[in-house]
């Protein structure tokens, strides 16, 4: 359970949600990723902890029932595609944080 494709699948799902959520929240509030998490009064850290718990639990349940993370296939939604999308989301989320740390401004603010 803590080795193989399962941890990468869970982390990839969290990265996909985090990347999209960070961009949507930035668009709505004007705050970058670091500001969303660490500003007093911003609920970013609380929301992050809640979402991590929900997605981790939802991802572990099928694994506890014996389902392999590689066994899922539904149209274009394959395990391999999900892992690649998760990897790209991890890189994208890291890039959002790195951009904000270097440029000192949120990603969307710099380009819009």
Protein backbone atom coordinates (compact mmCIF):
# COMPACT_ATOMS: atom_id res chain seq x y z
CA UNK A 1 0.00 0.00 0.00
CA UNK A 2 2.90 2.38 0.71
CA UNK A 3 4.97 1.11 -2.17
CA UNK A 4 4.42 0.97 -5.89
CA UNK A 5 1.82 2.90 -7.86
CA UNK A 6 -0.52 3.69 -4.94
CA UNK A 7 1.46 6.56 -3.35
CA UNK A 8 2.14 8.12 -6.74
CA UNK A 9 -1.54 7.83 -7.66
CA UNK A 10 -2.65 9.52 -4.43
CA UNK A 11 -0.02 12.26 -4.65
CA UNK A 12 -0.86 12.82 -8.31
CA UNK A 13 -4.55 13.21 -7.54
CA UNK A 14 -3.76 15.69 -4.78
CA UNK A 15 -1.44 17.61 -7.11
CA UNK A 16 -4.11 17.78 -9.82
CA UNK A 17 -6.67 19.12 -7.35
CA UNK A 18 -4.12 21.48 -5.80
CA UNK A 19 -2.99 22.92 -9.12
CA UNK A 20 -6.51 23.62 -10.37
CA UNK A 21 -7.68 24.86 -6.97
CA UNK A 22 -4.67 27.20 -6.62
CA UNK A 23 -5.33 28.80 -10.00
CA UNK A 24 -9.09 29.16 -9.39
CA UNK A 25 -8.56 30.60 -5.92
CA UNK A 26 -5.91 32.96 -7.27
CA UNK A 27 -8.32 34.15 -9.96
CA UNK A 28 -11.08 34.65 -7.37
CA UNK A 29 -9.03 36.28 -4.61
CA UNK A 30 -5.92 37.66 -6.30
CA UNK A 31 -3.74 35.82 -3.75
CA UNK A 32 -0.92 33.54 -4.86
CA UNK A 33 -0.36 30.02 -3.54
CA UNK A 34 1.90 31.08 -0.67
CA UNK A 35 -0.44 33.92 0.27
CA UNK A 36 -3.46 31.58 0.19
CA UNK A 37 -1.77 29.22 2.63
CA UNK A 38 0.09 31.53 5.00
CA UNK A 39 -1.86 34.82 5.15
CA UNK A 40 -3.77 35.36 8.38
CA UNK A 41 -7.46 35.19 7.67
CA UNK A 42 -7.01 33.11 4.51
CA UNK A 43 -8.58 29.68 4.81
CA UNK A 44 -6.16 28.08 2.33
CA UNK A 45 -4.31 25.90 4.83
CA UNK A 46 -7.53 24.67 6.46
CA UNK A 47 -9.05 23.87 3.05
CA UNK A 48 -5.85 22.12 1.98
CA UNK A 49 -5.79 19.86 5.05
CA UNK A 50 -9.47 18.97 4.57
CA UNK A 51 -9.08 18.17 0.87
CA UNK A 52 -5.97 16.06 1.51
CA UNK A 53 -7.88 13.96 4.03
CA UNK A 54 -10.89 13.47 1.77
CA UNK A 55 -8.92 12.54 -1.36
CA UNK A 56 -6.51 10.28 0.50
CA UNK A 57 -9.35 8.41 2.18
CA UNK A 58 -11.29 8.13 -1.09
CA UNK A 59 -8.20 6.79 -2.85
CA UNK A 60 -7.31 4.25 -0.14
CA UNK A 61 -10.76 2.65 0.14
CA UNK A 62 -10.60 0.80 -3.22
CA UNK A 63 -7.04 -0.30 -2.42
CA UNK A 64 -8.15 -1.75 0.91
CA UNK A 65 -10.80 -3.71 -0.97
CA UNK A 66 -8.03 -5.27 -3.07
CA UNK A 67 -8.40 -3.18 -6.21
CA UNK A 68 -5.15 -2.37 -7.97
CA UNK A 69 -4.51 1.21 -9.00
CA UNK A 70 -3.45 -0.13 -12.40
CA UNK A 71 -6.70 -2.04 -12.96
CA UNK A 72 -8.90 0.98 -13.64
CA UNK A 73 -9.90 1.58 -17.23
CA UNK A 74 -12.83 3.65 -18.34
CA UNK A 75 -12.61 5.18 -21.78
CA UNK A 76 -9.65 7.55 -21.88
CA UNK A 77 -9.25 7.35 -18.09
CA UNK A 78 -6.44 4.85 -17.65
CA UNK A 79 -4.02 4.41 -14.75
CA UNK A 80 -1.05 5.37 -16.91
CA UNK A 81 -2.74 8.58 -18.10
CA UNK A 82 -3.69 9.47 -14.53
CA UNK A 83 -0.10 9.02 -13.35
CA UNK A 84 1.26 11.20 -16.17
CA UNK A 85 -1.34 13.90 -15.48
CA UNK A 86 -0.44 13.71 -11.80
CA UNK A 87 3.27 14.07 -12.55
CA UNK A 88 2.60 17.12 -14.72
CA UNK A 89 0.38 18.61 -12.01
CA UNK A 90 3.17 18.11 -9.44
CA UNK A 91 5.58 19.98 -11.73
CA UNK A 92 2.96 22.67 -12.39
CA UNK A 93 2.21 23.19 -8.70
CA UNK A 94 5.92 23.43 -7.89
CA UNK A 95 6.30 25.90 -10.77
CA UNK A 96 3.49 28.08 -9.32
CA UNK A 97 5.27 28.24 -5.97
CA UNK A 98 8.69 28.82 -7.55
CA UNK A 99 7.32 31.57 -9.81
CA UNK A 100 5.70 33.32 -6.89
CA UNK A 101 8.86 33.04 -4.77
CA UNK A 102 11.14 34.40 -7.51
CA UNK A 103 8.91 37.07 -9.05
CA UNK A 104 7.14 38.06 -5.82
CA UNK A 105 3.72 38.02 -7.46
CA UNK A 106 1.03 35.44 -8.21
CA UNK A 107 1.23 33.60 -11.52
CA UNK A 108 -1.97 34.94 -13.07
CA UNK A 109 -1.19 38.51 -11.99
CA UNK A 110 2.07 38.37 -13.91
CA UNK A 111 0.40 37.32 -17.15
CA UNK A 112 -3.07 38.85 -17.09
